[in-house]
Amino acid sequence: MPIYEFQCKKCRNEFEVLFRSSDEKLKPACPVCKSKNTRKMMSAFAGGKSGCTSCAATSCSTT
């Protein structure tokens, strides 16, 4: 199940919702003000750089 990020248009609160694919059309209520006037945000994702597999990410000389 994907996690979607939403922002409330009323109070500007940002929150995450775990959705089943059949629920994707639903608009969740804001957990702060309970408004259903929310919008789905573009989510950032963590993309990694390729490097050597034998060293830790914080000390790798190839990153």
PDB file of N, CA and C in Angstrom:
ATOM      1  N   MET A   1       0.846  -1.184   0.000  1.00  0.00           N
ATOM      2  CA  MET A   1       0.000   0.000   0.000  1.00  0.00           C
ATOM      3  C   MET A   1       0.886   1.240   0.000  1.00  0.00           C
ATOM      4  N   PRO A   2       0.651   2.146  -0.919  1.00  0.00           N
ATOM      5  CA  PRO A   2       1.473   3.353  -0.973  1.00  0.00           C
ATOM      6  C   PRO A   2       1.085   4.375   0.097  1.00  0.00           C
ATOM      7  N   ILE A   3       2.051   5.171   0.476  1.00  0.00           N
ATOM      8  CA  ILE A   3       1.823   6.281   1.400  1.00  0.00           C
ATOM      9  C   ILE A   3       1.801   7.555   0.567  1.00  0.00           C
ATOM     10  N   TYR A   4       0.733   8.340   0.723  1.00  0.00           N
ATOM     11  CA  TYR A   4       0.600   9.593   0.001  1.00  0.00           C
ATOM     12  C   TYR A   4       0.729  10.756   0.969  1.00  0.00           C
ATOM     13  N   GLU A   5       1.300  11.848   0.482  1.00  0.00           N
ATOM     14  CA  GLU A   5       1.409  13.067   1.274  1.00  0.00           C
ATOM     15  C   GLU A   5       0.317  14.030   0.831  1.00  0.00           C
ATOM     16  N   PHE A   6      -0.332  14.646   1.803  1.00  0.00           N
ATOM     17  CA  PHE A   6      -1.397  15.603   1.536  1.00  0.00           C
ATOM     18  C   PHE A   6      -1.113  16.898   2.279  1.00  0.00           C
ATOM     19  N   GLN A   7      -1.731  17.975   1.796  1.00  0.00           N
ATOM     20  CA  GLN A   7      -1.686  19.253   2.498  1.00  0.00           C
ATOM     21  C   GLN A   7      -3.108  19.774   2.603  1.00  0.00           C
ATOM     22  N   CYS A   8      -3.471  20.240   3.785  1.00  0.00           N
ATOM     23  CA  CYS A   8      -4.782  20.830   4.011  1.00  0.00           C
ATOM     24  C   CYS A   8      -4.782  22.242   3.434  1.00  0.00           C
ATOM     25  N   LYS A   9      -5.779  22.555   2.624  1.00  0.00           N
ATOM     26  CA  LYS A   9      -5.866  23.897   2.040  1.00  0.00           C
ATOM     27  C   LYS A   9      -6.375  24.917   3.052  1.00  0.00           C
ATOM     28  N   LYS A  10      -6.989  24.445   4.136  1.00  0.00           N
ATOM     29  CA  LYS A  10      -7.523  25.351   5.154  1.00  0.00           C
ATOM     30  C   LYS A  10      -6.459  25.774   6.159  1.00  0.00           C
ATOM     31  N   CYS A  11      -5.773  24.800   6.777  1.00  0.00           N
ATOM     32  CA  CYS A  11      -4.799  25.138   7.830  1.00  0.00           C
ATOM     33  C   CYS A  11      -3.346  24.910   7.405  1.00  0.00           C
ATOM     34  N   ARG A  12      -3.119  24.422   6.181  1.00  0.00           N
ATOM     35  CA  ARG A  12      -1.787  24.206   5.586  1.00  0.00           C
ATOM     36  C   ARG A  12      -1.000  23.065   6.245  1.00  0.00           C
ATOM     37  N   ASN A  13      -1.651  22.263   7.072  1.00  0.00           N
ATOM     38  CA  ASN A  13      -0.994  21.120   7.698  1.00  0.00           C
ATOM     39  C   ASN A  13      -0.632  20.090   6.629  1.00  0.00           C
ATOM     40  N   GLU A  14       0.558  19.513   6.745  1.00  0.00           N
ATOM     41  CA  GLU A  14       0.978  18.437   5.852  1.00  0.00           C
ATOM     42  C   GLU A  14       0.917  17.128   6.624  1.00  0.00           C
ATOM     43  N   PHE A  15       0.362  16.084   5.977  1.00  0.00           N
ATOM     44  CA  PHE A  15       0.212  14.798   6.640  1.00  0.00           C
ATOM     45  C   PHE A  15       0.297  13.671   5.622  1.00  0.00           C
ATOM     46  N   GLU A  16       0.527  12.462   6.130  1.00  0.00           N
ATOM     47  CA  GLU A  16       0.652  11.283   5.277  1.00  0.00           C
ATOM     48  C   GLU A  16      -0.514  10.342   5.526  1.00  0.00           C
ATOM     49  N   VAL A  17      -0.925   9.653   4.448  1.00  0.00           N
ATOM     50  CA  VAL A  17      -2.021   8.695   4.540  1.00  0.00           C
ATOM     51  C   VAL A  17      -1.620   7.428   3.801  1.00  0.00           C
ATOM     52  N   LEU A  18      -1.857   6.289   4.421  1.00  0.00           N
ATOM     53  CA  LEU A  18      -1.614   4.993   3.806  1.00  0.00           C
ATOM     54  C   LEU A  18      -2.902   4.564   3.111  1.00  0.00           C
ATOM     55  N   PHE A  19      -2.841   4.365   1.781  1.00  0.00           N
ATOM     56  CA  PHE A  19      -4.030   4.043   1.000  1.00  0.00           C
ATOM     57  C   PHE A  19      -3.933   2.675   0.360  1.00  0.00           C
ATOM     58  N   ARG A  20      -5.062   1.981   0.305  1.00  0.00           N
ATOM     59  CA  ARG A  20      -5.183   0.827  -0.578  1.00  0.00           C
ATOM     60  C   ARG A  20      -5.446   1.385  -1.967  1.00  0.00           C
ATOM     61  N   SER A  21      -5.081   0.672  -3.000  1.00  0.00           N
ATOM     62  CA  SER A  21      -5.254   1.182  -4.361  1.00  0.00           C
ATOM     63  C   SER A  21      -6.717   1.482  -4.672  1.00  0.00           C
ATOM     64  N   SER A  22      -7.653   0.784  -4.052  1.00  0.00           N
ATOM     65  CA  SER A  22      -9.077   1.039  -4.291  1.00  0.00           C
ATOM     66  C   SER A  22      -9.557   2.327  -3.630  1.00  0.00           C
ATOM     67  N   ASP A  23      -8.794   2.874  -2.683  1.00  0.00           N
ATOM     68  CA  ASP A  23      -9.179   4.090  -1.957  1.00  0.00           C
ATOM     69  C   ASP A  23      -8.535   5.356  -2.514  1.00  0.00           C
ATOM     70  N   GLU A  24      -7.764   5.259  -3.596  1.00  0.00           N
ATOM     71  CA  GLU A  24      -6.971   6.389  -4.066  1.00  0.00           C
ATOM     72  C   GLU A  24      -7.795   7.613  -4.452  1.00  0.00           C
ATOM     73  N   LYS A  25      -9.051   7.443  -4.813  1.00  0.00           N
ATOM     74  CA  LYS A  25      -9.890   8.573  -5.222  1.00  0.00           C
ATOM     75  C   LYS A  25     -10.447   9.348  -4.028  1.00  0.00           C
ATOM     76  N   LEU A  26     -10.370   8.781  -2.833  1.00  0.00           N
ATOM     77  CA  LEU A  26     -10.912   9.432  -1.646  1.00  0.00           C
ATOM     78  C   LEU A  26     -10.035  10.597  -1.211  1.00  0.00           C
ATOM     79  N   LYS A  27     -10.674  11.635  -0.669  1.00  0.00           N
ATOM     80  CA  LYS A  27      -9.924  12.764  -0.111  1.00  0.00           C
ATOM     81  C   LYS A  27      -9.946  12.619   1.405  1.00  0.00           C
ATOM     82  N   PRO A  28      -8.779  12.466   2.013  1.00  0.00           N
ATOM     83  CA  PRO A  28      -8.743  12.299   3.470  1.00  0.00           C
ATOM     84  C   PRO A  28      -8.973  13.622   4.194  1.00  0.00           C
ATOM     85  N   ALA A  29      -9.511  13.528   5.385  1.00  0.00           N
ATOM     86  CA  ALA A  29      -9.703  14.711   6.221  1.00  0.00           C
ATOM     87  C   ALA A  29      -8.398  15.053   6.925  1.00  0.00           C
ATOM     88  N   CYS A  30      -8.162  16.338   7.098  1.00  0.00           N
ATOM     89  CA  CYS A  30      -6.980  16.810   7.814  1.00  0.00           C
ATOM     90  C   CYS A  30      -7.071  16.359   9.275  1.00  0.00           C
ATOM     91  N   PRO A  31      -6.006  15.770   9.822  1.00  0.00           N
ATOM     92  CA  PRO A  31      -6.051  15.334  11.220  1.00  0.00           C
ATOM     93  C   PRO A  31      -6.070  16.489  12.219  1.00  0.00           C
ATOM     94  N   VAL A  32      -5.723  17.702  11.784  1.00  0.00           N
ATOM     95  CA  VAL A  32      -5.695  18.855  12.689  1.00  0.00           C
ATOM     96  C   VAL A  32      -7.048  19.563  12.736  1.00  0.00           C
ATOM     97  N   CYS A  33      -7.548  19.995  11.552  1.00  0.00           N
ATOM     98  CA  CYS A  33      -8.780  20.791  11.533  1.00  0.00           C
ATOM     99  C   CYS A  33      -9.990  20.028  10.997  1.00  0.00           C
ATOM    100  N   LYS A  34      -9.785  18.786  10.551  1.00  0.00           N
ATOM    101  CA  LYS A  34     -10.845  17.892  10.052  1.00  0.00           C
ATOM    102  C   LYS A  34     -11.434  18.316   8.708  1.00  0.00           C
ATOM    103  N   SER A  35     -10.846  19.301   8.038  1.00  0.00           N
ATOM    104  CA  SER A  35     -11.321  19.726   6.721  1.00  0.00           C
ATOM    105  C   SER A  35     -11.014  18.653   5.679  1.00  0.00           C
ATOM    106  N   LYS A  36     -11.923  18.460   4.731  1.00  0.00           N
ATOM    107  CA  LYS A  36     -11.677  17.540   3.622  1.00  0.00           C
ATOM    108  C   LYS A  36     -11.157  18.292   2.403  1.00  0.00           C
ATOM    109  N   ASN A  37     -10.878  19.572   2.570  1.00  0.00           N
ATOM    110  CA  ASN A  37     -10.334  20.388   1.483  1.00  0.00           C
ATOM    111  C   ASN A  37      -8.814  20.198   1.469  1.00  0.00           C
ATOM    112  N   THR A  38      -8.386  19.055   0.954  1.00  0.00           N
ATOM    113  CA  THR A  38      -6.977  18.682   0.949  1.00  0.00           C
ATOM    114  C   THR A  38      -6.505  18.439  -0.476  1.00  0.00           C
ATOM    115  N   ARG A  39      -5.193  18.472  -0.653  1.00  0.00           N
ATOM    116  CA  ARG A  39      -4.630  18.177  -1.976  1.00  0.00           C
ATOM    117  C   ARG A  39      -3.462  17.217  -1.821  1.00  0.00           C
ATOM    118  N   LYS A  40      -3.327  16.345  -2.820  1.00  0.00           N
ATOM    119  CA  LYS A  40      -2.217  15.396  -2.823  1.00  0.00           C
ATOM    120  C   LYS A  40      -0.969  16.136  -3.280  1.00  0.00           C
ATOM    121  N   MET A  41       0.117  15.951  -2.558  1.00  0.00           N
ATOM    122  CA  MET A  41       1.377  16.621  -2.883  1.00  0.00           C
ATOM    123  C   MET A  41       2.280  15.671  -3.659  1.00  0.00           C
ATOM    124  N   MET A  42       3.197  16.233  -4.400  1.00  0.00           N
ATOM    125  CA  MET A  42       4.218  15.433  -5.060  1.00  0.00           C
ATOM    126  C   MET A  42       5.215  15.014  -3.993  1.00  0.00           C
ATOM    127  N   SER A  43       5.448  13.743  -3.881  1.00  0.00           N
ATOM    128  CA  SER A  43       6.358  13.229  -2.865  1.00  0.00           C
ATOM    129  C   SER A  43       7.772  13.125  -3.407  1.00  0.00           C
ATOM    130  N   ALA A  44       8.715  13.459  -2.570  1.00  0.00           N
ATOM    131  CA  ALA A  44      10.122  13.259  -2.909  1.00  0.00           C
ATOM    132  C   ALA A  44      10.474  11.830  -2.540  1.00  0.00           C
ATOM    133  N   PHE A  45      11.390  11.250  -3.256  1.00  0.00           N
ATOM    134  CA  PHE A  45      11.824   9.912  -2.903  1.00  0.00           C
ATOM    135  C   PHE A  45      13.328   9.897  -2.792  1.00  0.00           C
ATOM    136  N   ALA A  46      13.817   8.964  -2.021  1.00  0.00           N
ATOM    137  CA  ALA A  46      15.257   8.861  -1.802  1.00  0.00           C
ATOM    138  C   ALA A  46      15.863   8.045  -2.930  1.00  0.00           C
ATOM    139  N   GLY A  47      16.696   8.672  -3.688  1.00  0.00           N
ATOM    140  CA  GLY A  47      17.419   7.966  -4.734  1.00  0.00           C
ATOM    141  C   GLY A  47      18.878   7.908  -4.341  1.00  0.00           C
ATOM    142  N   GLY A  48      19.460   6.785  -4.470  1.00  0.00           N
ATOM    143  CA  GLY A  48      20.846   6.640  -4.048  1.00  0.00           C
ATOM    144  C   GLY A  48      21.801   6.718  -5.213  1.00  0.00           C
ATOM    145  N   LYS A  49      23.019   7.053  -4.910  1.00  0.00           N
ATOM    146  CA  LYS A  49      24.092   7.023  -5.898  1.00  0.00           C
ATOM    147  C   LYS A  49      24.712   5.645  -5.854  1.00  0.00           C
ATOM    148  N   SER A  50      25.186   5.210  -6.979  1.00  0.00           N
ATOM    149  CA  SER A  50      25.861   3.917  -6.953  1.00  0.00           C
ATOM    150  C   SER A  50      27.280   4.126  -6.443  1.00  0.00           C
ATOM    151  N   GLY A  51      27.720   3.216  -5.683  1.00  0.00           N
ATOM    152  CA  GLY A  51      29.061   3.272  -5.126  1.00  0.00           C
ATOM    153  C   GLY A  51      29.526   1.864  -4.858  1.00  0.00           C
ATOM    154  N   CYS A  52      30.631   1.752  -4.237  1.00  0.00           N
ATOM    155  CA  CYS A  52      31.115   0.408  -3.946  1.00  0.00           C
ATOM    156  C   CYS A  52      30.298  -0.193  -2.808  1.00  0.00           C
ATOM    157  N   THR A  53      30.155  -1.483  -2.810  1.00  0.00           N
ATOM    158  CA  THR A  53      29.331  -2.151  -1.805  1.00  0.00           C
ATOM    159  C   THR A  53      30.098  -2.518  -0.551  1.00  0.00           C
ATOM    160  N   SER A  54      31.410  -2.322  -0.553  1.00  0.00           N
ATOM    161  CA  SER A  54      32.204  -2.771   0.590  1.00  0.00           C
ATOM    162  C   SER A  54      32.409  -1.705   1.655  1.00  0.00           C
ATOM    163  N   CYS A  55      31.981  -0.468   1.417  1.00  0.00           N
ATOM    164  CA  CYS A  55      32.209   0.573   2.426  1.00  0.00           C
ATOM    165  C   CYS A  55      30.894   1.201   2.861  1.00  0.00           C
ATOM    166  N   ALA A  56      30.903   1.850   3.996  1.00  0.00           N
ATOM    167  CA  ALA A  56      29.716   2.509   4.524  1.00  0.00           C
ATOM    168  C   ALA A  56      29.422   3.769   3.720  1.00  0.00           C
ATOM    169  N   ALA A  57      28.152   4.130   3.620  1.00  0.00           N
ATOM    170  CA  ALA A  57      27.742   5.282   2.817  1.00  0.00           C
ATOM    171  C   ALA A  57      28.367   6.584   3.302  1.00  0.00           C
ATOM    172  N   THR A  58      28.595   6.721   4.604  1.00  0.00           N
ATOM    173  CA  THR A  58      29.133   7.974   5.131  1.00  0.00           C
ATOM    174  C   THR A  58      30.633   8.114   4.911  1.00  0.00           C
ATOM    175  N   SER A  59      31.317   7.010   4.680  1.00  0.00           N
ATOM    176  CA  SER A  59      32.766   7.098   4.519  1.00  0.00           C
ATOM    177  C   SER A  59      33.247   6.612   3.156  1.00  0.00           C
ATOM    178  N   CYS A  60      32.336   6.366   2.235  1.00  0.00           N
ATOM    179  CA  CYS A  60      32.702   5.842   0.919  1.00  0.00           C
ATOM    180  C   CYS A  60      33.397   6.923   0.099  1.00  0.00           C
ATOM    181  N   SER A  61      34.510   6.599  -0.486  1.00  0.00           N
ATOM    182  CA  SER A  61      35.245   7.576  -1.290  1.00  0.00           C
ATOM    183  C   SER A  61      34.666   7.727  -2.690  1.00  0.00           C
ATOM    184  N   THR A  62      33.711   6.885  -3.077  1.00  0.00           N
ATOM    185  CA  THR A  62      33.132   6.983  -4.419  1.00  0.00           C
ATOM    186  C   THR A  62      31.870   7.820  -4.461  1.00  0.00           C
ATOM    187  N   THR A  63      31.384   8.322  -3.312  1.00  0.00           N
ATOM    188  CA  THR A  63      30.162   9.131  -3.311  1.00  0.00           C
ATOM    189  C   THR A  63      30.478  10.594  -3.324  1.00  0.00           C
TER     190      THR A  63
END
